[in-house]
PDB file of N, CA and C in Angstrom:
ATOM      1  N   UNK A   1       1.003  -1.225  -0.154  1.00  0.00           N
ATOM      2  CA  UNK A   1       0.091   0.128   0.158  1.00  0.00           C
ATOM      3  C   UNK A   1       0.885   1.216   0.029  1.00  0.00           C
ATOM      4  N   UNK A   2       0.671   2.253  -0.974  1.00  0.00           N
ATOM      5  CA  UNK A   2       1.521   3.549  -1.185  1.00  0.00           C
ATOM      6  C   UNK A   2       0.530   4.649  -0.584  1.00  0.00           C
ATOM      7  N   UNK A   3       1.564   5.427   0.198  1.00  0.00           N
ATOM      8  CA  UNK A   3       0.960   6.578   0.828  1.00  0.00           C
ATOM      9  C   UNK A   3      -0.115   7.129   0.235  1.00  0.00           C
ATOM     10  N   UNK A   4      -0.012   7.331  -1.302  1.00  0.00           N
ATOM     11  CA  UNK A   4      -1.175   8.116  -2.112  1.00  0.00           C
ATOM     12  C   UNK A   4      -2.310   7.554  -2.097  1.00  0.00           C
ATOM     13  N   UNK A   5      -2.387   6.260  -2.126  1.00  0.00           N
ATOM     14  CA  UNK A   5      -3.612   5.245  -1.978  1.00  0.00           C
ATOM     15  C   UNK A   5      -4.130   5.229  -0.491  1.00  0.00           C
ATOM     16  N   UNK A   6      -3.266   5.906   0.607  1.00  0.00           N
ATOM     17  CA  UNK A   6      -3.857   5.690   1.966  1.00  0.00           C
ATOM     18  C   UNK A   6      -4.612   7.079   1.931  1.00  0.00           C
ATOM     19  N   UNK A   7      -4.155   8.525   1.184  1.00  0.00           N
ATOM     20  CA  UNK A   7      -4.519   9.706   1.648  1.00  0.00           C
ATOM     21  C   UNK A   7      -5.878   9.890   0.817  1.00  0.00           C
ATOM     22  N   UNK A   8      -6.211   8.669  -0.186  1.00  0.00           N
ATOM     23  CA  UNK A   8      -7.267   9.085  -1.249  1.00  0.00           C
ATOM     24  C   UNK A   8      -8.296   8.362  -0.464  1.00  0.00           C
ATOM     25  N   UNK A   9      -8.421   7.617   0.679  1.00  0.00           N
ATOM     26  CA  UNK A   9      -9.161   7.166   1.584  1.00  0.00           C
ATOM     27  C   UNK A   9      -9.638   8.116   2.755  1.00  0.00           C
ATOM     28  N   UNK A  10     -10.983   8.043   2.708  1.00  0.00           N
ATOM     29  CA  UNK A  10     -11.640   8.828   3.813  1.00  0.00           C
ATOM     30  C   UNK A  10     -11.368   8.313   5.051  1.00  0.00           C
ATOM     31  N   UNK A  11     -11.371   8.820   6.428  1.00  0.00           N
ATOM     32  CA  UNK A  11     -11.125   8.920   7.567  1.00  0.00           C
ATOM     33  C   UNK A  11     -11.591   7.726   8.248  1.00  0.00           C
ATOM     34  N   UNK A  12     -13.016   7.566   7.701  1.00  0.00           N
ATOM     35  CA  UNK A  12     -13.622   6.029   8.493  1.00  0.00           C
ATOM     36  C   UNK A  12     -13.090   5.046   7.439  1.00  0.00           C
ATOM     37  N   UNK A  13     -12.903   4.921   6.261  1.00  0.00           N
ATOM     38  CA  UNK A  13     -12.367   4.089   5.633  1.00  0.00           C
ATOM     39  C   UNK A  13     -11.053   3.516   6.293  1.00  0.00           C
ATOM     40  N   UNK A  14     -10.107   4.514   6.813  1.00  0.00           N
ATOM     41  CA  UNK A  14      -8.789   4.111   7.165  1.00  0.00           C
ATOM     42  C   UNK A  14      -9.000   3.442   8.648  1.00  0.00           C
ATOM     43  N   UNK A  15      -9.934   4.085   9.593  1.00  0.00           N
ATOM     44  CA  UNK A  15      -9.984   3.513  10.973  1.00  0.00           C
ATOM     45  C   UNK A  15     -10.751   1.800  10.535  1.00  0.00           C
ATOM     46  N   UNK A  16     -11.250   1.664   9.582  1.00  0.00           N
ATOM     47  CA  UNK A  16     -11.822   0.100   9.507  1.00  0.00           C
ATOM     48  C   UNK A  16     -10.790  -0.463   8.811  1.00  0.00           C
ATOM     49  N   UNK A  17     -10.012  -0.064   8.096  1.00  0.00           N
ATOM     50  CA  UNK A  17      -8.642  -0.790   7.531  1.00  0.00           C
ATOM     51  C   UNK A  17      -7.521  -0.968   8.671  1.00  0.00           C
ATOM     52  N   UNK A  18      -7.624   0.077   9.428  1.00  0.00           N
ATOM     53  CA  UNK A  18      -6.718  -0.260  10.636  1.00  0.00           C
ATOM     54  C   UNK A  18      -7.086  -1.535  11.721  1.00  0.00           C
ATOM     55  N   UNK A  19      -8.270  -1.411  11.766  1.00  0.00           N
ATOM     56  CA  UNK A  19      -8.822  -2.500  12.894  1.00  0.00           C
ATOM     57  C   UNK A  19      -8.558  -4.023  12.014  1.00  0.00           C
ATOM     58  N   UNK A  20      -8.783  -3.810  10.740  1.00  0.00           N
ATOM     59  CA  UNK A  20      -8.506  -5.106   9.657  1.00  0.00           C
ATOM     60  C   UNK A  20      -7.232  -5.380   9.987  1.00  0.00           C
ATOM     61  N   UNK A  21      -6.296  -4.584   9.986  1.00  0.00           N
ATOM     62  CA  UNK A  21      -4.815  -4.949   9.745  1.00  0.00           C
ATOM     63  C   UNK A  21      -4.156  -5.213  11.397  1.00  0.00           C
ATOM     64  N   UNK A  22      -4.847  -4.716  12.317  1.00  0.00           N
ATOM     65  CA  UNK A  22      -4.337  -5.229  13.635  1.00  0.00           C
ATOM     66  C   UNK A  22      -5.143  -6.575  13.981  1.00  0.00           C
ATOM     67  N   UNK A  23      -6.137  -6.772  13.772  1.00  0.00           N
ATOM     68  CA  UNK A  23      -6.717  -8.320  13.556  1.00  0.00           C
ATOM     69  C   UNK A  23      -5.767  -9.365  13.159  1.00  0.00           C
ATOM     70  N   UNK A  24      -5.369  -8.912  11.586  1.00  0.00           N
ATOM     71  CA  UNK A  24      -4.399  -9.589  10.901  1.00  0.00           C
ATOM     72  C   UNK A  24      -2.939  -9.733  11.503  1.00  0.00           C
ATOM     73  N   UNK A  25      -2.458  -8.608  12.312  1.00  0.00           N
ATOM     74  CA  UNK A  25      -1.212  -8.571  12.907  1.00  0.00           C
ATOM     75  C   UNK A  25      -1.033  -9.522  14.060  1.00  0.00           C
ATOM     76  N   UNK A  26      -2.216  -9.683  14.645  1.00  0.00           N
ATOM     77  CA  UNK A  26      -2.849 -10.556  15.872  1.00  0.00           C
ATOM     78  C   UNK A  26      -2.735 -12.095  15.507  1.00  0.00           C
ATOM     79  N   UNK A  27      -3.261 -12.383  14.380  1.00  0.00           N
ATOM     80  CA  UNK A  27      -3.063 -13.800  14.021  1.00  0.00           C
ATOM     81  C   UNK A  27      -1.790 -14.203  13.479  1.00  0.00           C
ATOM     82  N   UNK A  28      -1.147 -13.319  12.630  1.00  0.00           N
ATOM     83  CA  UNK A  28       0.135 -13.041  12.163  1.00  0.00           C
ATOM     84  C   UNK A  28       1.144 -13.672  13.561  1.00  0.00           C
ATOM     85  N   UNK A  29       0.932 -12.895  14.305  1.00  0.00           N
ATOM     86  CA  UNK A  29       1.828 -13.404  15.624  1.00  0.00           C
ATOM     87  C   UNK A  29       1.550 -14.630  16.413  1.00  0.00           C
ATOM     88  N   UNK A  30       0.297 -15.218  16.376  1.00  0.00           N
ATOM     89  CA  UNK A  30       0.168 -16.458  16.910  1.00  0.00           C
ATOM     90  C   UNK A  30       0.647 -17.463  15.773  1.00  0.00           C
ATOM     91  N   UNK A  31       0.475 -17.310  14.690  1.00  0.00           N
ATOM     92  CA  UNK A  31       1.008 -18.394  13.601  1.00  0.00           C
ATOM     93  C   UNK A  31       2.777 -18.320  13.819  1.00  0.00           C
ATOM     94  N   UNK A  32       3.001 -17.270  14.120  1.00  0.00           N
ATOM     95  CA  UNK A  32       4.686 -17.153  14.220  1.00  0.00           C
ATOM     96  C   UNK A  32       5.185 -18.220  15.562  1.00  0.00           C
ATOM     97  N   UNK A  33       4.366 -17.971  16.528  1.00  0.00           N
ATOM     98  CA  UNK A  33       4.358 -18.366  17.862  1.00  0.00           C
ATOM     99  C   UNK A  33       4.335 -19.758  17.572  1.00  0.00           C
ATOM    100  N   UNK A  34       3.389 -20.628  16.903  1.00  0.00           N
ATOM    101  CA  UNK A  34       3.113 -21.921  16.677  1.00  0.00           C
ATOM    102  C   UNK A  34       3.751 -22.419  15.547  1.00  0.00           C
ATOM    103  N   UNK A  35       4.688 -21.353  15.053  1.00  0.00           N
ATOM    104  CA  UNK A  35       5.271 -22.659  14.189  1.00  0.00           C
ATOM    105  C   UNK A  35       4.536 -22.778  12.758  1.00  0.00           C
ATOM    106  N   UNK A  36       3.635 -22.057  12.500  1.00  0.00           N
ATOM    107  CA  UNK A  36       2.764 -22.294  11.170  1.00  0.00           C
ATOM    108  C   UNK A  36       2.961 -20.892  10.158  1.00  0.00           C
ATOM    109  N   UNK A  37       3.743 -19.850  10.338  1.00  0.00           N
ATOM    110  CA  UNK A  37       3.678 -18.966   9.598  1.00  0.00           C
ATOM    111  C   UNK A  37       4.695 -19.267   8.620  1.00  0.00           C
ATOM    112  N   UNK A  38       3.965 -19.091   7.087  1.00  0.00           N
ATOM    113  CA  UNK A  38       4.749 -19.693   6.099  1.00  0.00           C
ATOM    114  C   UNK A  38       5.381 -18.031   5.433  1.00  0.00           C
ATOM    115  N   UNK A  39       4.618 -17.215   5.262  1.00  0.00           N
ATOM    116  CA  UNK A  39       4.976 -15.941   4.904  1.00  0.00           C
ATOM    117  C   UNK A  39       5.547 -14.933   5.688  1.00  0.00           C
ATOM    118  N   UNK A  40       6.609 -15.158   6.006  1.00  0.00           N
ATOM    119  CA  UNK A  40       7.336 -14.304   7.189  1.00  0.00           C
ATOM    120  C   UNK A  40       7.277 -12.800   6.646  1.00  0.00           C
ATOM    121  N   UNK A  41       7.406 -12.439   5.551  1.00  0.00           N
ATOM    122  CA  UNK A  41       7.718 -11.139   5.446  1.00  0.00           C
ATOM    123  C   UNK A  41       6.131 -10.283   5.439  1.00  0.00           C
ATOM    124  N   UNK A  42       5.223 -11.005   5.514  1.00  0.00           N
ATOM    125  CA  UNK A  42       3.836 -10.181   5.627  1.00  0.00           C
ATOM    126  C   UNK A  42       3.774  -9.603   7.044  1.00  0.00           C
ATOM    127  N   UNK A  43       4.493 -10.126   8.082  1.00  0.00           N
ATOM    128  CA  UNK A  43       4.418  -9.393   9.485  1.00  0.00           C
ATOM    129  C   UNK A  43       5.199  -8.134   9.061  1.00  0.00           C
ATOM    130  N   UNK A  44       5.978  -7.921   8.654  1.00  0.00           N
ATOM    131  CA  UNK A  44       6.696  -6.777   8.407  1.00  0.00           C
ATOM    132  C   UNK A  44       6.023  -5.620   7.198  1.00  0.00           C
ATOM    133  N   UNK A  45       5.295  -5.827   6.277  1.00  0.00           N
ATOM    134  CA  UNK A  45       4.062  -5.661   5.390  1.00  0.00           C
ATOM    135  C   UNK A  45       2.904  -4.893   6.253  1.00  0.00           C
ATOM    136  N   UNK A  46       2.500  -5.667   7.163  1.00  0.00           N
ATOM    137  CA  UNK A  46       1.222  -5.278   7.954  1.00  0.00           C
ATOM    138  C   UNK A  46       1.827  -4.060   8.883  1.00  0.00           C
ATOM    139  N   UNK A  47       3.124  -4.432   9.625  1.00  0.00           N
ATOM    140  CA  UNK A  47       3.677  -3.457  10.401  1.00  0.00           C
ATOM    141  C   UNK A  47       3.574  -2.198   9.863  1.00  0.00           C
ATOM    142  N   UNK A  48       4.153  -1.851   8.621  1.00  0.00           N
ATOM    143  CA  UNK A  48       4.169  -1.020   7.770  1.00  0.00           C
ATOM    144  C   UNK A  48       3.246   0.003   7.573  1.00  0.00           C
ATOM    145  N   UNK A  49       1.616  -1.127   6.836  1.00  0.00           N
ATOM    146  CA  UNK A  49       0.542  -0.431   6.695  1.00  0.00           C
ATOM    147  C   UNK A  49      -0.016   0.324   7.366  1.00  0.00           C
ATOM    148  N   UNK A  50       0.269  -0.187   9.112  1.00  0.00           N
ATOM    149  CA  UNK A  50      -0.388   0.238  10.038  1.00  0.00           C
ATOM    150  C   UNK A  50       0.275   1.561  10.266  1.00  0.00           C
ATOM    151  N   UNK A  51       1.682   1.627  10.198  1.00  0.00           N
ATOM    152  CA  UNK A  51       2.162   2.766  10.323  1.00  0.00           C
ATOM    153  C   UNK A  51       1.617   3.854   9.881  1.00  0.00           C
ATOM    154  N   UNK A  52       1.462   3.566   8.347  1.00  0.00           N
ATOM    155  CA  UNK A  52       1.222   4.562   7.080  1.00  0.00           C
ATOM    156  C   UNK A  52      -0.203   5.076   7.557  1.00  0.00           C
ATOM    157  N   UNK A  53      -1.087   4.447   8.088  1.00  0.00           N
ATOM    158  CA  UNK A  53      -2.246   4.591   8.244  1.00  0.00           C
ATOM    159  C   UNK A  53      -2.216   5.413   9.628  1.00  0.00           C
ATOM    160  N   UNK A  54      -1.389   5.331  10.719  1.00  0.00           N
ATOM    161  CA  UNK A  54      -1.503   6.032  11.622  1.00  0.00           C
ATOM    162  C   UNK A  54      -0.801   7.574  11.307  1.00  0.00           C
ATOM    163  N   UNK A  55      -0.351   7.558  10.604  1.00  0.00           N
ATOM    164  CA  UNK A  55       0.765   8.776  10.262  1.00  0.00           C
ATOM    165  C   UNK A  55      -0.172   9.509   9.668  1.00  0.00           C
ATOM    166  N   UNK A  56      -1.090   8.931   8.716  1.00  0.00           N
ATOM    167  CA  UNK A  56      -2.206  10.072   7.695  1.00  0.00           C
ATOM    168  C   UNK A  56      -3.241  10.476   8.650  1.00  0.00           C
ATOM    169  N   UNK A  57      -3.520   9.669   9.701  1.00  0.00           N
ATOM    170  CA  UNK A  57      -4.792  10.311  10.535  1.00  0.00           C
ATOM    171  C   UNK A  57      -4.218  11.031  11.252  1.00  0.00           C
ATOM    172  N   UNK A  58      -2.929  10.888  11.777  1.00  0.00           N
ATOM    173  CA  UNK A  58      -2.750  12.085  12.678  1.00  0.00           C
ATOM    174  C   UNK A  58      -2.208  13.354  12.027  1.00  0.00           C
ATOM    175  N   UNK A  59      -1.630  13.317  10.908  1.00  0.00           N
ATOM    176  CA  UNK A  59      -1.820  14.450  10.204  1.00  0.00           C
ATOM    177  C   UNK A  59      -2.730  15.248   9.614  1.00  0.00           C
ATOM    178  N   UNK A  60      -4.061  14.537   9.558  1.00  0.00           N
ATOM    179  CA  UNK A  60      -5.268  14.971   9.351  1.00  0.00           C
ATOM    180  C   UNK A  60      -5.900  15.410  10.596  1.00  0.00           C
ATOM    181  N   UNK A  61      -5.430  14.876  11.603  1.00  0.00           N
ATOM    182  CA  UNK A  61      -6.313  15.240  13.139  1.00  0.00           C
ATOM    183  C   UNK A  61      -5.543  16.584  13.294  1.00  0.00           C
ATOM    184  N   UNK A  62      -3.951  16.827  13.318  1.00  0.00           N
ATOM    185  CA  UNK A  62      -3.172  17.977  13.637  1.00  0.00           C
ATOM    186  C   UNK A  62      -3.872  19.048  12.402  1.00  0.00           C
ATOM    187  N   UNK A  63      -4.099  18.822  11.200  1.00  0.00           N
ATOM    188  CA  UNK A  63      -4.216  19.658  10.430  1.00  0.00           C
ATOM    189  C   UNK A  63      -5.765  20.260  10.583  1.00  0.00           C
ATOM    190  N   UNK A  64      -6.816  19.242  11.265  1.00  0.00           N
ATOM    191  CA  UNK A  64      -8.066  19.834  11.554  1.00  0.00           C
ATOM    192  C   UNK A  64      -8.082  20.709  12.894  1.00  0.00           C
ATOM    193  N   UNK A  65      -6.917  20.622  13.767  1.00  0.00           N
ATOM    194  CA  UNK A  65      -6.761  21.399  15.243  1.00  0.00           C
ATOM    195  C   UNK A  65      -6.286  22.637  14.782  1.00  0.00           C
ATOM    196  N   UNK A  66      -5.159  22.798  13.864  1.00  0.00           N
ATOM    197  CA  UNK A  66      -5.050  24.004  13.077  1.00  0.00           C
ATOM    198  C   UNK A  66      -5.528  24.943  12.482  1.00  0.00           C
ATOM    199  N   UNK A  67      -6.838  24.212  11.920  1.00  0.00           N
ATOM    200  CA  UNK A  67      -7.608  25.194  11.117  1.00  0.00           C
ATOM    201  C   UNK A  67      -8.739  25.241  11.758  1.00  0.00           C
ATOM    202  N   UNK A  68      -8.927  25.244  13.078  1.00  0.00           N
ATOM    203  CA  UNK A  68      -9.765  25.939  14.146  1.00  0.00           C
ATOM    204  C   UNK A  68      -9.568  27.291  14.400  1.00  0.00           C
TER     205      UNK A  68
END
């Protein structure tokens, strides 16, 4: 997921996607602990996607507060 794609989505969509990614991250952690994780690179991709979404949401929050 690229930052341009994240910025194009609404705040509500980003919150939904953030929740979905956190659930996936939780499941990946369990798979890794039990030795069933096949695609180990997916853990890093999910973490970076979560960080991207949180960054964009933070930017939007700060710009909304500055606009007041």
